[in-house]
Amino acid sequence: MEERPPPDPSKLLATWMEWEKGGETPGRIIANLKTGGMRELLEQLVAVQKEQQASS
C-alpha cells in the first residue's frame, strides 16, 4: 500500500471551496477529499477533542 503524506488542511479546504463554488463534480470532490486525507484529519480532530474532554 502506498504511504500518503499527512493531510494538508489548506488543500482540503481549497477542495471544499471548489465544491461550494460548483467548480467540480461531487464525485471528483469526494475523491479529492478522500485522497487528500479528510478521514485522517477528522480522526485526528476527534482524538484531540476526546483527550480534551477527558482532561476537563
PDB file of N, CA and C in Angstrom:
ATOM      1  N   MET A   1       0.831  -1.172   0.000  1.00  0.00           N
ATOM      2  CA  MET A   1       0.000   0.000   0.000  1.00  0.00           C
ATOM      3  C   MET A   1       0.881   1.244   0.000  1.00  0.00           C
ATOM      4  N   GLU A   2       0.522   2.183  -0.807  1.00  0.00           N
ATOM      5  CA  GLU A   2       1.292   3.422  -0.937  1.00  0.00           C
ATOM      6  C   GLU A   2       1.080   4.318   0.282  1.00  0.00           C
ATOM      7  N   GLU A   3       2.180   4.816   0.857  1.00  0.00           N
ATOM      8  CA  GLU A   3       2.085   5.705   2.009  1.00  0.00           C
ATOM      9  C   GLU A   3       1.810   7.128   1.531  1.00  0.00           C
ATOM     10  N   ARG A   4       0.800   7.744   2.106  1.00  0.00           N
ATOM     11  CA  ARG A   4       0.428   9.100   1.730  1.00  0.00           C
ATOM     12  C   ARG A   4       1.037  10.102   2.692  1.00  0.00           C
ATOM     13  N   PRO A   5       1.242  11.326   2.239  1.00  0.00           N
ATOM     14  CA  PRO A   5       1.702  12.367   3.168  1.00  0.00           C
ATOM     15  C   PRO A   5       0.569  12.711   4.133  1.00  0.00           C
ATOM     16  N   PRO A   6       0.883  13.356   5.242  1.00  0.00           N
ATOM     17  CA  PRO A   6      -0.177  13.726   6.186  1.00  0.00           C
ATOM     18  C   PRO A   6      -1.160  14.686   5.523  1.00  0.00           C
ATOM     19  N   PRO A   7      -2.393  14.712   6.021  1.00  0.00           N
ATOM     20  CA  PRO A   7      -3.395  15.602   5.447  1.00  0.00           C
ATOM     21  C   PRO A   7      -2.954  17.064   5.518  1.00  0.00           C
ATOM     22  N   ASP A   8      -3.269  17.812   4.487  1.00  0.00           N
ATOM     23  CA  ASP A   8      -2.975  19.240   4.438  1.00  0.00           C
ATOM     24  C   ASP A   8      -4.299  19.989   4.547  1.00  0.00           C
ATOM     25  N   PRO A   9      -4.611  20.548   5.728  1.00  0.00           N
ATOM     26  CA  PRO A   9      -5.888  21.227   5.910  1.00  0.00           C
ATOM     27  C   PRO A   9      -6.138  22.337   4.889  1.00  0.00           C
ATOM     28  N   SER A  10      -5.113  23.033   4.464  1.00  0.00           N
ATOM     29  CA  SER A  10      -5.282  24.106   3.483  1.00  0.00           C
ATOM     30  C   SER A  10      -5.764  23.552   2.145  1.00  0.00           C
ATOM     31  N   LYS A  11      -5.182  22.445   1.716  1.00  0.00           N
ATOM     32  CA  LYS A  11      -5.592  21.834   0.452  1.00  0.00           C
ATOM     33  C   LYS A  11      -7.003  21.263   0.552  1.00  0.00           C
ATOM     34  N   LEU A  12      -7.312  20.656   1.697  1.00  0.00           N
ATOM     35  CA  LEU A  12      -8.650  20.117   1.882  1.00  0.00           C
ATOM     36  C   LEU A  12      -9.694  21.234   1.868  1.00  0.00           C
ATOM     37  N   LEU A  13      -9.386  22.338   2.501  1.00  0.00           N
ATOM     38  CA  LEU A  13     -10.302  23.476   2.483  1.00  0.00           C
ATOM     39  C   LEU A  13     -10.469  24.019   1.070  1.00  0.00           C
ATOM     40  N   ALA A  14      -9.398  24.097   0.313  1.00  0.00           N
ATOM     41  CA  ALA A  14      -9.483  24.569  -1.069  1.00  0.00           C
ATOM     42  C   ALA A  14     -10.366  23.637  -1.898  1.00  0.00           C
ATOM     43  N   THR A  15     -10.256  22.341  -1.666  1.00  0.00           N
ATOM     44  CA  THR A  15     -11.106  21.382  -2.362  1.00  0.00           C
ATOM     45  C   THR A  15     -12.564  21.600  -1.981  1.00  0.00           C
ATOM     46  N   TRP A  16     -12.812  21.769  -0.706  1.00  0.00           N
ATOM     47  CA  TRP A  16     -14.177  22.018  -0.230  1.00  0.00           C
ATOM     48  C   TRP A  16     -14.755  23.293  -0.865  1.00  0.00           C
ATOM     49  N   MET A  17     -13.956  24.336  -0.936  1.00  0.00           N
ATOM     50  CA  MET A  17     -14.415  25.599  -1.505  1.00  0.00           C
ATOM     51  C   MET A  17     -14.722  25.444  -2.993  1.00  0.00           C
ATOM     52  N   GLU A  18     -13.968  24.600  -3.705  1.00  0.00           N
ATOM     53  CA  GLU A  18     -14.266  24.314  -5.113  1.00  0.00           C
ATOM     54  C   GLU A  18     -15.646  23.703  -5.237  1.00  0.00           C
ATOM     55  N   TRP A  19     -15.978  22.805  -4.300  1.00  0.00           N
ATOM     56  CA  TRP A  19     -17.288  22.181  -4.315  1.00  0.00           C
ATOM     57  C   TRP A  19     -18.375  23.229  -4.085  1.00  0.00           C
ATOM     58  N   GLU A  20     -18.175  24.126  -3.115  1.00  0.00           N
ATOM     59  CA  GLU A  20     -19.170  25.154  -2.826  1.00  0.00           C
ATOM     60  C   GLU A  20     -19.376  26.083  -4.017  1.00  0.00           C
ATOM     61  N   LYS A  21     -18.329  26.338  -4.770  1.00  0.00           N
ATOM     62  CA  LYS A  21     -18.435  27.198  -5.948  1.00  0.00           C
ATOM     63  C   LYS A  21     -19.029  26.459  -7.138  1.00  0.00           C
ATOM     64  N   GLY A  22     -19.111  25.144  -7.064  1.00  0.00           N
ATOM     65  CA  GLY A  22     -19.624  24.349  -8.171  1.00  0.00           C
ATOM     66  C   GLY A  22     -18.585  24.118  -9.253  1.00  0.00           C
ATOM     67  N   GLY A  23     -17.304  24.237  -8.883  1.00  0.00           N
ATOM     68  CA  GLY A  23     -16.228  24.106  -9.857  1.00  0.00           C
ATOM     69  C   GLY A  23     -15.915  22.686 -10.284  1.00  0.00           C
ATOM     70  N   GLU A  24     -16.322  21.716  -9.492  1.00  0.00           N
ATOM     71  CA  GLU A  24     -16.059  20.303  -9.800  1.00  0.00           C
ATOM     72  C   GLU A  24     -17.319  19.489  -9.544  1.00  0.00           C
ATOM     73  N   THR A  25     -17.358  18.311 -10.118  1.00  0.00           N
ATOM     74  CA  THR A  25     -18.481  17.415  -9.861  1.00  0.00           C
ATOM     75  C   THR A  25     -18.359  16.842  -8.446  1.00  0.00           C
ATOM     76  N   PRO A  26     -19.502  16.491  -7.833  1.00  0.00           N
ATOM     77  CA  PRO A  26     -19.449  15.928  -6.475  1.00  0.00           C
ATOM     78  C   PRO A  26     -18.546  14.698  -6.375  1.00  0.00           C
ATOM     79  N   GLY A  27     -18.586  13.833  -7.383  1.00  0.00           N
ATOM     80  CA  GLY A  27     -17.740  12.636  -7.343  1.00  0.00           C
ATOM     81  C   GLY A  27     -16.262  12.974  -7.317  1.00  0.00           C
ATOM     82  N   ARG A  28     -15.845  13.959  -8.091  1.00  0.00           N
ATOM     83  CA  ARG A  28     -14.446  14.375  -8.141  1.00  0.00           C
ATOM     84  C   ARG A  28     -14.047  14.998  -6.802  1.00  0.00           C
ATOM     85  N   ILE A  29     -14.941  15.798  -6.221  1.00  0.00           N
ATOM     86  CA  ILE A  29     -14.645  16.434  -4.932  1.00  0.00           C
ATOM     87  C   ILE A  29     -14.451  15.370  -3.856  1.00  0.00           C
ATOM     88  N   ILE A  30     -15.365  14.405  -3.804  1.00  0.00           N
ATOM     89  CA  ILE A  30     -15.248  13.338  -2.796  1.00  0.00           C
ATOM     90  C   ILE A  30     -13.945  12.577  -2.989  1.00  0.00           C
ATOM     91  N   ALA A  31     -13.598  12.277  -4.219  1.00  0.00           N
ATOM     92  CA  ALA A  31     -12.342  11.569  -4.489  1.00  0.00           C
ATOM     93  C   ALA A  31     -11.146  12.398  -4.024  1.00  0.00           C
ATOM     94  N   ASN A  32     -11.169  13.686  -4.290  1.00  0.00           N
ATOM     95  CA  ASN A  32     -10.064  14.559  -3.874  1.00  0.00           C
ATOM     96  C   ASN A  32      -9.978  14.669  -2.352  1.00  0.00           C
ATOM     97  N   LEU A  33     -11.130  14.745  -1.692  1.00  0.00           N
ATOM     98  CA  LEU A  33     -11.125  14.800  -0.223  1.00  0.00           C
ATOM     99  C   LEU A  33     -10.585  13.492   0.357  1.00  0.00           C
ATOM    100  N   LYS A  34     -10.973  12.382  -0.253  1.00  0.00           N
ATOM    101  CA  LYS A  34     -10.510  11.072   0.228  1.00  0.00           C
ATOM    102  C   LYS A  34      -9.000  10.937   0.066  1.00  0.00           C
ATOM    103  N   THR A  35      -8.505  11.210  -1.132  1.00  0.00           N
ATOM    104  CA  THR A  35      -7.059  11.060  -1.351  1.00  0.00           C
ATOM    105  C   THR A  35      -6.262  12.141  -0.622  1.00  0.00           C
ATOM    106  N   GLY A  36      -6.910  13.246  -0.308  1.00  0.00           N
ATOM    107  CA  GLY A  36      -6.238  14.323   0.425  1.00  0.00           C
ATOM    108  C   GLY A  36      -6.150  14.089   1.915  1.00  0.00           C
ATOM    109  N   GLY A  37      -6.849  13.053   2.419  1.00  0.00           N
ATOM    110  CA  GLY A  37      -6.724  12.700   3.831  1.00  0.00           C
ATOM    111  C   GLY A  37      -7.796  13.274   4.738  1.00  0.00           C
ATOM    112  N   MET A  38      -8.969  13.569   4.194  1.00  0.00           N
ATOM    113  CA  MET A  38     -10.034  14.128   5.027  1.00  0.00           C
ATOM    114  C   MET A  38     -10.378  13.212   6.195  1.00  0.00           C
ATOM    115  N   ARG A  39     -10.476  11.917   5.945  1.00  0.00           N
ATOM    116  CA  ARG A  39     -10.801  10.988   7.028  1.00  0.00           C
ATOM    117  C   ARG A  39      -9.756  11.054   8.135  1.00  0.00           C
ATOM    118  N   GLU A  40      -8.500  11.008   7.754  1.00  0.00           N
ATOM    119  CA  GLU A  40      -7.423  11.040   8.737  1.00  0.00           C
ATOM    120  C   GLU A  40      -7.450  12.336   9.549  1.00  0.00           C
ATOM    121  N   LEU A  41      -7.700  13.450   8.873  1.00  0.00           N
ATOM    122  CA  LEU A  41      -7.760  14.740   9.567  1.00  0.00           C
ATOM    123  C   LEU A  41      -8.906  14.740  10.575  1.00  0.00           C
ATOM    124  N   LEU A  42     -10.064  14.269  10.161  1.00  0.00           N
ATOM    125  CA  LEU A  42     -11.205  14.216  11.075  1.00  0.00           C
ATOM    126  C   LEU A  42     -10.946  13.275  12.242  1.00  0.00           C
ATOM    127  N   GLU A  43     -10.304  12.139  11.982  1.00  0.00           N
ATOM    128  CA  GLU A  43      -9.965  11.210  13.070  1.00  0.00           C
ATOM    129  C   GLU A  43      -9.025  11.863  14.080  1.00  0.00           C
ATOM    130  N   GLN A  44      -8.057  12.620  13.590  1.00  0.00           N
ATOM    131  CA  GLN A  44      -7.128  13.323  14.478  1.00  0.00           C
ATOM    132  C   GLN A  44      -7.864  14.359  15.330  1.00  0.00           C
ATOM    133  N   LEU A  45      -8.768  15.097  14.704  1.00  0.00           N
ATOM    134  CA  LEU A  45      -9.525  16.119  15.432  1.00  0.00           C
ATOM    135  C   LEU A  45     -10.417  15.497  16.499  1.00  0.00           C
ATOM    136  N   VAL A  46     -11.044  14.371  16.193  1.00  0.00           N
ATOM    137  CA  VAL A  46     -11.889  13.683  17.161  1.00  0.00           C
ATOM    138  C   VAL A  46     -11.038  13.187  18.334  1.00  0.00           C
ATOM    139  N   ALA A  47      -9.868  12.648  18.049  1.00  0.00           N
ATOM    140  CA  ALA A  47      -8.983  12.159  19.116  1.00  0.00           C
ATOM    141  C   ALA A  47      -8.567  13.300  20.041  1.00  0.00           C
ATOM    142  N   VAL A  48      -8.227  14.440  19.467  1.00  0.00           N
ATOM    143  CA  VAL A  48      -7.836  15.603  20.278  1.00  0.00           C
ATOM    144  C   VAL A  48      -9.013  16.066  21.127  1.00  0.00           C
ATOM    145  N   GLN A  49     -10.192  16.105  20.533  1.00  0.00           N
ATOM    146  CA  GLN A  49     -11.377  16.535  21.259  1.00  0.00           C
ATOM    147  C   GLN A  49     -11.663  15.603  22.438  1.00  0.00           C
ATOM    148  N   LYS A  50     -11.541  14.296  22.226  1.00  0.00           N
ATOM    149  CA  LYS A  50     -11.767  13.321  23.303  1.00  0.00           C
ATOM    150  C   LYS A  50     -10.743  13.497  24.417  1.00  0.00           C
ATOM    151  N   GLU A  51      -9.493  13.731  24.051  1.00  0.00           N
ATOM    152  CA  GLU A  51      -8.448  13.950  25.062  1.00  0.00           C
ATOM    153  C   GLU A  51      -8.743  15.195  25.889  1.00  0.00           C
ATOM    154  N   GLN A  52      -9.180  16.252  25.230  1.00  0.00           N
ATOM    155  CA  GLN A  52      -9.503  17.490  25.932  1.00  0.00           C
ATOM    156  C   GLN A  52     -10.688  17.301  26.872  1.00  0.00           C
ATOM    157  N   GLN A  53     -11.692  16.547  26.433  1.00  0.00           N
ATOM    158  CA  GLN A  53     -12.853  16.288  27.275  1.00  0.00           C
ATOM    159  C   GLN A  53     -12.484  15.421  28.459  1.00  0.00           C
ATOM    160  N   ALA A  54     -11.591  14.475  28.258  1.00  0.00           N
ATOM    161  CA  ALA A  54     -11.177  13.568  29.333  1.00  0.00           C
ATOM    162  C   ALA A  54     -10.362  14.306  30.385  1.00  0.00           C
ATOM    163  N   SER A  55      -9.616  15.323  29.982  1.00  0.00           N
ATOM    164  CA  SER A  55      -8.780  16.036  30.943  1.00  0.00           C
ATOM    165  C   SER A  55      -9.510  17.202  31.610  1.00  0.00           C
ATOM    166  N   SER A  56     -10.760  17.429  31.224  1.00  0.00           N
ATOM    167  CA  SER A  56     -11.546  18.513  31.830  1.00  0.00           C
ATOM    168  C   SER A  56     -12.202  18.078  33.110  1.00  0.00           C
TER     169      SER A  56
END
